Amino acid sequence: MNKNLLQRLSFAIVLILSFFLITSCSSVKNVKYFRDIPDSTLSTSIGRAEYVEPVIQTDDILTIVVQTLDPNATSLINMGNVPVSATGTSTVNTGILSVGQQVVSGYLVDKEGDVELPILGKVQVVGLTTSKAKTLIEAKAGEFYKSPSVTVRYANFKISVAGEVARPSTYIIPNEKVTILDALTMAGDLTIFGKRDNVLLIRQNEDGTKTAYRINLNKSNIMTAPYYYLRQNDFIYVEPGKAKAAANDANQLRTYTIIGSALSVLIIIASRL
């Protein structure tokens, strides 16, 4: 075979494979959050989302503590926060939990919407916020104790984050006022491949139906949206972008490039024999 032809062939192989390798590595776009906030401004005014307290649903687990001047008087009620499996493992020292083997203490809201408290009996709490449930239980406890103080909070306020995030998991949060940005931060933020302009939020309604929202993290108006504050059992899914597929293709093309380069070397060596 003509040496010049072999050299041209080897050069063409390297050139073609290099072209595909370069074009497959797409540049990362839309990585930055809130692109509509100018970099040059010192401050930007952003509206406020309306916070609506979540309501208690069946199968929720509530931590209920009743306090009086005599701590021993209500010890039976407070000890009644029965440990219930909530599948969580502590991830940070803030009390936020992710899926694992955590057991939390609390009163389970039964299918009738009641919690059954020692001494106080059954109390209907389904459909109430924790603040209204506190008032109701305080009134009930007032029948047995003098000036009782009641605390009611969720023991299993959980949200799930899946897809292109660093730590996909189900998180149990000790604070019911949590935002979508909080959830993404707990999950370690989006990976470089996550689509920031089309995050999916699936929310369970009180009647059992679900509502899906599409969220654009490139826009600051999400901080005024009705879905900015999360609710119990919200599910967040971050879709992979085109860069993920391009990265997979790039890995394959690197292999082909190495093989092609090796063939080119062999052709050059053969042309000189």
Protein backbone atom coordinates (compact mmCIF):
# COMPACT_ATOMS: atom_id res chain seq x y z
CA MET A 1 0.00 0.00 0.00
CA ASN A 2 1.26 3.51 -0.86
CA LYS A 3 2.92 5.16 2.18
CA ASN A 4 1.34 8.54 1.49
CA LEU A 5 -2.07 6.88 1.33
CA LEU A 6 -1.49 5.16 4.67
CA GLN A 7 -0.40 8.41 6.29
CA ARG A 8 -3.45 10.23 4.92
CA LEU A 9 -5.70 7.44 6.18
CA SER A 10 -4.22 7.54 9.69
CA PHE A 11 -4.51 11.32 9.81
CA ALA A 12 -8.16 11.12 8.69
CA ILE A 13 -8.99 8.57 11.42
CA VAL A 14 -7.50 10.77 14.15
CA LEU A 15 -9.19 13.89 12.76
CA ILE A 16 -12.66 12.30 12.55
CA LEU A 17 -12.50 10.77 16.03
CA SER A 18 -11.22 14.03 17.55
CA PHE A 19 -14.09 15.93 15.91
CA PHE A 20 -16.72 13.62 17.42
CA LEU A 21 -15.02 13.76 20.82
CA ILE A 22 -14.99 17.56 20.89
CA THR A 23 -18.55 18.00 19.64
CA SER A 24 -19.91 15.45 22.12
CA CYS A 25 -18.67 17.45 25.12
CA SER A 26 -21.49 19.96 25.37
CA SER A 27 -20.88 23.03 27.43
CA VAL A 28 -22.74 23.33 30.71
CA LYS A 29 -25.59 25.83 30.47
CA ASN A 30 -28.15 27.11 32.92
CA VAL A 31 -26.10 25.92 35.91
CA LYS A 32 -26.59 29.14 37.81
CA TYR A 33 -29.74 29.66 39.87
CA PHE A 34 -31.83 32.84 39.53
CA ARG A 35 -30.30 34.04 36.30
CA ASP A 36 -32.82 36.89 36.15
CA ILE A 37 -31.16 38.61 39.14
CA PRO A 38 -28.47 40.91 37.69
CA ASP A 39 -24.91 40.35 38.91
CA SER A 40 -24.23 44.08 38.96
CA THR A 41 -26.93 45.12 41.44
CA LEU A 42 -26.16 45.37 45.15
CA SER A 43 -29.67 44.35 46.15
CA THR A 44 -32.84 43.14 44.47
CA SER A 45 -36.28 43.16 46.01
CA ILE A 46 -38.09 39.81 45.78
CA GLY A 47 -41.69 39.21 46.77
CA ARG A 48 -42.76 36.84 49.53
CA ALA A 49 -44.55 33.53 49.10
CA GLU A 50 -47.64 32.99 51.21
CA TYR A 51 -47.07 30.35 53.84
CA VAL A 52 -50.03 28.08 54.52
CA GLU A 53 -49.71 25.82 57.55
CA PRO A 54 -49.98 22.15 56.60
CA VAL A 55 -52.87 20.23 58.10
CA ILE A 56 -52.65 16.97 59.98
CA GLN A 57 -53.53 13.86 57.97
CA THR A 58 -54.15 10.24 58.89
CA ASP A 59 -50.98 8.21 59.49
CA ASP A 60 -49.09 11.34 60.55
CA ILE A 61 -46.99 10.94 63.68
CA LEU A 62 -47.24 13.77 66.21
CA THR A 63 -45.03 14.53 69.17
CA ILE A 64 -47.37 15.80 71.89
CA VAL A 65 -45.95 17.13 75.15
CA VAL A 66 -48.10 18.38 78.04
CA GLN A 67 -46.36 20.43 80.73
CA THR A 68 -47.63 21.54 84.13
CA LEU A 69 -46.07 22.92 87.31
CA ASP A 70 -45.65 19.34 88.48
CA PRO A 71 -43.68 17.42 85.80
CA ASN A 72 -44.70 14.07 87.25
CA ALA A 73 -48.39 14.83 86.79
CA THR A 74 -48.21 14.55 82.99
CA SER A 75 -45.38 12.04 82.73
CA LEU A 76 -47.79 9.32 81.60
CA ILE A 77 -48.93 11.42 78.64
CA ASN A 78 -45.42 12.44 77.68
CA MET A 79 -44.09 8.90 77.97
CA GLY A 80 -46.90 7.85 75.66
CA ASN A 81 -44.99 9.19 72.67
CA VAL A 82 -44.53 5.60 71.49
CA PRO A 83 -41.48 4.92 69.29
CA VAL A 84 -42.61 4.44 65.69
CA SER A 85 -40.36 3.41 62.80
CA ALA A 86 -39.83 6.38 60.51
CA THR A 87 -36.93 5.02 58.46
CA GLY A 88 -34.43 7.79 59.02
CA THR A 89 -30.72 8.17 59.73
CA SER A 90 -29.23 11.40 61.01
CA THR A 91 -27.23 13.16 58.32
CA VAL A 92 -26.30 16.40 60.08
CA ASN A 93 -26.47 17.75 63.60
CA THR A 94 -29.60 19.81 62.89
CA GLY A 95 -31.96 16.91 63.45
CA ILE A 96 -32.69 16.44 59.75
CA LEU A 97 -32.99 12.77 58.90
CA SER A 98 -32.67 10.74 55.74
CA VAL A 99 -33.83 7.24 54.96
CA GLY A 100 -32.27 4.54 57.12
CA GLN A 101 -33.31 2.92 60.38
CA GLN A 102 -34.38 5.83 62.55
CA VAL A 103 -37.18 5.34 65.07
CA VAL A 104 -39.10 8.46 66.13
CA SER A 105 -41.44 8.94 69.05
CA GLY A 106 -44.97 10.19 68.69
CA TYR A 107 -48.69 9.55 68.58
CA LEU A 108 -50.01 8.02 65.37
CA VAL A 109 -53.09 9.67 63.83
CA ASP A 110 -55.41 6.72 63.21
CA LYS A 111 -57.73 6.13 60.25
CA GLU A 112 -60.53 8.00 62.05
CA GLY A 113 -58.27 11.05 62.43
CA ASP A 114 -57.81 10.66 66.20
CA VAL A 115 -54.85 10.48 68.52
CA GLU A 116 -55.41 8.57 71.73
CA LEU A 117 -53.71 10.18 74.71
CA PRO A 118 -53.40 8.63 78.16
CA ILE A 119 -55.86 10.21 80.64
CA LEU A 120 -57.16 12.67 78.02
CA GLY A 121 -58.59 9.99 75.73
CA LYS A 122 -59.20 10.35 72.00
CA VAL A 123 -58.78 13.76 70.38
CA GLN A 124 -59.82 14.45 66.77
CA VAL A 125 -56.92 16.27 65.07
CA VAL A 126 -57.19 15.37 61.37
CA GLY A 127 -57.62 18.45 59.19
CA LEU A 128 -56.17 20.76 61.86
CA THR A 129 -52.89 22.61 61.83
CA THR A 130 -50.47 21.86 64.67
CA SER A 131 -51.28 25.22 66.26
CA LYS A 132 -55.03 24.46 66.26
CA ALA A 133 -54.39 20.93 67.53
CA LYS A 134 -52.32 22.45 70.35
CA THR A 135 -55.23 24.70 71.36
CA LEU A 136 -57.67 21.80 71.26
CA ILE A 137 -55.47 19.48 73.35
CA GLU A 138 -54.72 22.30 75.79
CA ALA A 139 -58.45 22.74 76.39
CA LYS A 140 -58.84 18.99 76.86
CA ALA A 141 -55.90 18.87 79.27
CA GLY A 142 -57.38 21.82 81.18
CA GLU A 143 -60.15 19.49 82.34
CA PHE A 144 -57.58 17.45 84.27
CA TYR A 145 -54.69 19.83 85.01
CA LYS A 146 -54.28 23.44 86.08
CA SER A 147 -52.88 25.78 83.40
CA PRO A 148 -51.32 23.10 81.18
CA SER A 149 -48.95 24.04 78.34
CA VAL A 150 -49.03 21.84 75.24
CA THR A 151 -46.57 21.41 72.40
CA VAL A 152 -47.59 19.67 69.17
CA ARG A 153 -45.23 19.09 66.29
CA TYR A 154 -44.75 16.64 63.44
CA ALA A 155 -42.43 13.73 64.16
CA ASN A 156 -42.45 12.50 60.55
CA PHE A 157 -42.72 15.59 58.36
CA LYS A 158 -40.99 14.04 55.36
CA ILE A 159 -40.16 15.00 51.79
CA SER A 160 -38.42 13.01 49.07
CA VAL A 161 -35.79 14.27 46.64
CA ALA A 162 -34.78 12.07 43.70
CA GLY A 163 -32.98 12.29 40.38
CA GLU A 164 -29.92 14.39 39.62
CA VAL A 165 -29.00 15.48 43.15
CA ALA A 166 -25.95 14.59 45.21
CA ARG A 167 -27.88 12.73 47.95
CA PRO A 168 -31.29 11.49 46.73
CA SER A 169 -33.31 10.32 49.70
CA THR A 170 -36.41 10.78 51.84
CA TYR A 171 -35.79 13.41 54.52
CA ILE A 172 -37.58 13.76 57.85
CA ILE A 173 -37.57 17.40 58.93
CA PRO A 174 -38.16 18.72 62.46
CA ASN A 175 -39.50 21.99 61.07
CA GLU A 176 -42.72 22.09 59.05
CA LYS A 177 -41.81 25.43 57.45
CA VAL A 178 -39.36 24.21 54.80
CA THR A 179 -38.82 25.51 51.27
CA ILE A 180 -37.86 23.79 48.05
CA LEU A 181 -34.43 25.44 48.29
CA ASP A 182 -34.01 23.94 51.77
CA ALA A 183 -34.85 20.50 50.38
CA LEU A 184 -32.37 20.76 47.52
CA THR A 185 -29.69 21.95 49.93
CA MET A 186 -30.32 18.94 52.20
CA ALA A 187 -29.97 16.71 49.15
CA GLY A 188 -26.54 18.21 48.42
CA ASP A 189 -27.73 20.44 45.54
CA LEU A 190 -28.28 19.46 41.92
CA THR A 191 -25.50 17.67 40.07
CA ILE A 192 -23.95 19.38 37.08
CA PHE A 193 -26.28 17.30 34.88
CA GLY A 194 -29.57 18.27 36.57
CA LYS A 195 -32.10 20.34 34.59
CA ARG A 196 -32.51 23.52 36.57
CA ASP A 197 -35.29 24.88 34.42
CA ASN A 198 -37.68 21.94 34.73
CA VAL A 199 -37.71 20.47 38.25
CA LEU A 200 -40.80 18.38 38.99
CA LEU A 201 -42.71 18.68 42.28
CA ILE A 202 -45.51 16.19 42.99
CA ARG A 203 -47.79 17.14 45.88
CA GLN A 204 -50.39 14.98 47.57
CA ASN A 205 -53.66 16.79 48.23
CA GLU A 206 -55.90 16.28 51.23
CA ASP A 207 -58.38 14.26 49.18
CA GLY A 208 -55.69 11.81 48.07
CA THR A 209 -55.21 13.26 44.57
CA LYS A 210 -51.86 14.59 43.41
CA THR A 211 -50.83 17.83 41.71
CA ALA A 212 -47.67 18.22 39.63
CA TYR A 213 -45.75 21.49 39.38
CA ARG A 214 -42.89 22.39 37.05
CA ILE A 215 -40.29 24.64 38.64
CA ASN A 216 -37.68 26.80 36.92
CA LEU A 217 -34.77 27.42 39.28
CA ASN A 218 -33.32 29.92 36.82
CA LYS A 219 -36.11 32.34 37.76
CA SER A 220 -36.34 34.11 41.11
CA ASN A 221 -40.16 34.14 40.97
CA ILE A 222 -40.22 30.63 42.49
CA MET A 223 -39.73 32.38 45.84
CA THR A 224 -43.21 33.86 45.49
CA ALA A 225 -44.90 30.72 44.12
CA PRO A 226 -47.50 28.69 46.07
CA TYR A 227 -45.24 25.63 45.95
CA TYR A 228 -42.19 27.43 47.41
CA TYR A 229 -43.04 26.12 50.88
CA LEU A 230 -43.20 22.34 50.89
CA ARG A 231 -45.80 20.13 52.49
CA GLN A 232 -45.78 16.72 54.08
CA ASN A 233 -44.95 13.92 51.57
CA ASP A 234 -43.91 16.27 48.74
CA PHE A 235 -41.82 14.52 46.07
CA ILE A 236 -39.16 16.43 44.12
CA TYR A 237 -37.61 14.96 40.97
CA VAL A 238 -34.68 16.55 39.13
CA GLU A 239 -34.51 15.37 35.54
CA PRO A 240 -31.16 14.73 33.82
CA GLY A 241 -30.29 17.17 31.06
CA LYS A 242 -28.78 16.58 27.64
CA ALA A 243 -25.32 17.00 29.15
CA LYS A 244 -25.77 13.66 30.97
CA ALA A 245 -26.30 11.79 27.70
CA ALA A 246 -23.47 13.75 26.10
CA ALA A 247 -21.14 12.80 28.96
CA ASN A 248 -21.99 9.11 28.49
CA ASP A 249 -21.36 9.45 24.76
CA ALA A 250 -18.09 11.22 25.45
CA ASN A 251 -16.84 8.31 27.56
CA GLN A 252 -17.57 5.93 24.70
CA LEU A 253 -15.94 8.21 22.16
CA ARG A 254 -12.80 8.49 24.28
CA THR A 255 -12.48 4.73 24.04
CA TYR A 256 -12.98 4.86 20.28
CA THR A 257 -10.41 7.66 20.02
CA ILE A 258 -7.82 5.60 21.88
CA ILE A 259 -8.50 2.62 19.60
CA GLY A 260 -8.37 4.85 16.53
CA SER A 261 -5.09 6.40 17.65
CA ALA A 262 -3.62 2.96 18.21
CA LEU A 263 -4.71 1.90 14.71
CA SER A 264 -3.16 5.06 13.26
CA VAL A 265 0.15 4.26 14.94
CA LEU A 266 0.05 0.72 13.58
CA ILE A 267 -0.72 2.04 10.07
CA ILE A 268 2.19 4.49 10.25
CA ILE A 269 4.53 1.74 11.45
CA ALA A 270 3.32 -0.58 8.67
CA SER A 271 3.86 2.14 6.06
CA ARG A 272 7.50 2.44 7.04
CA LEU A 273 8.29 -1.26 6.78
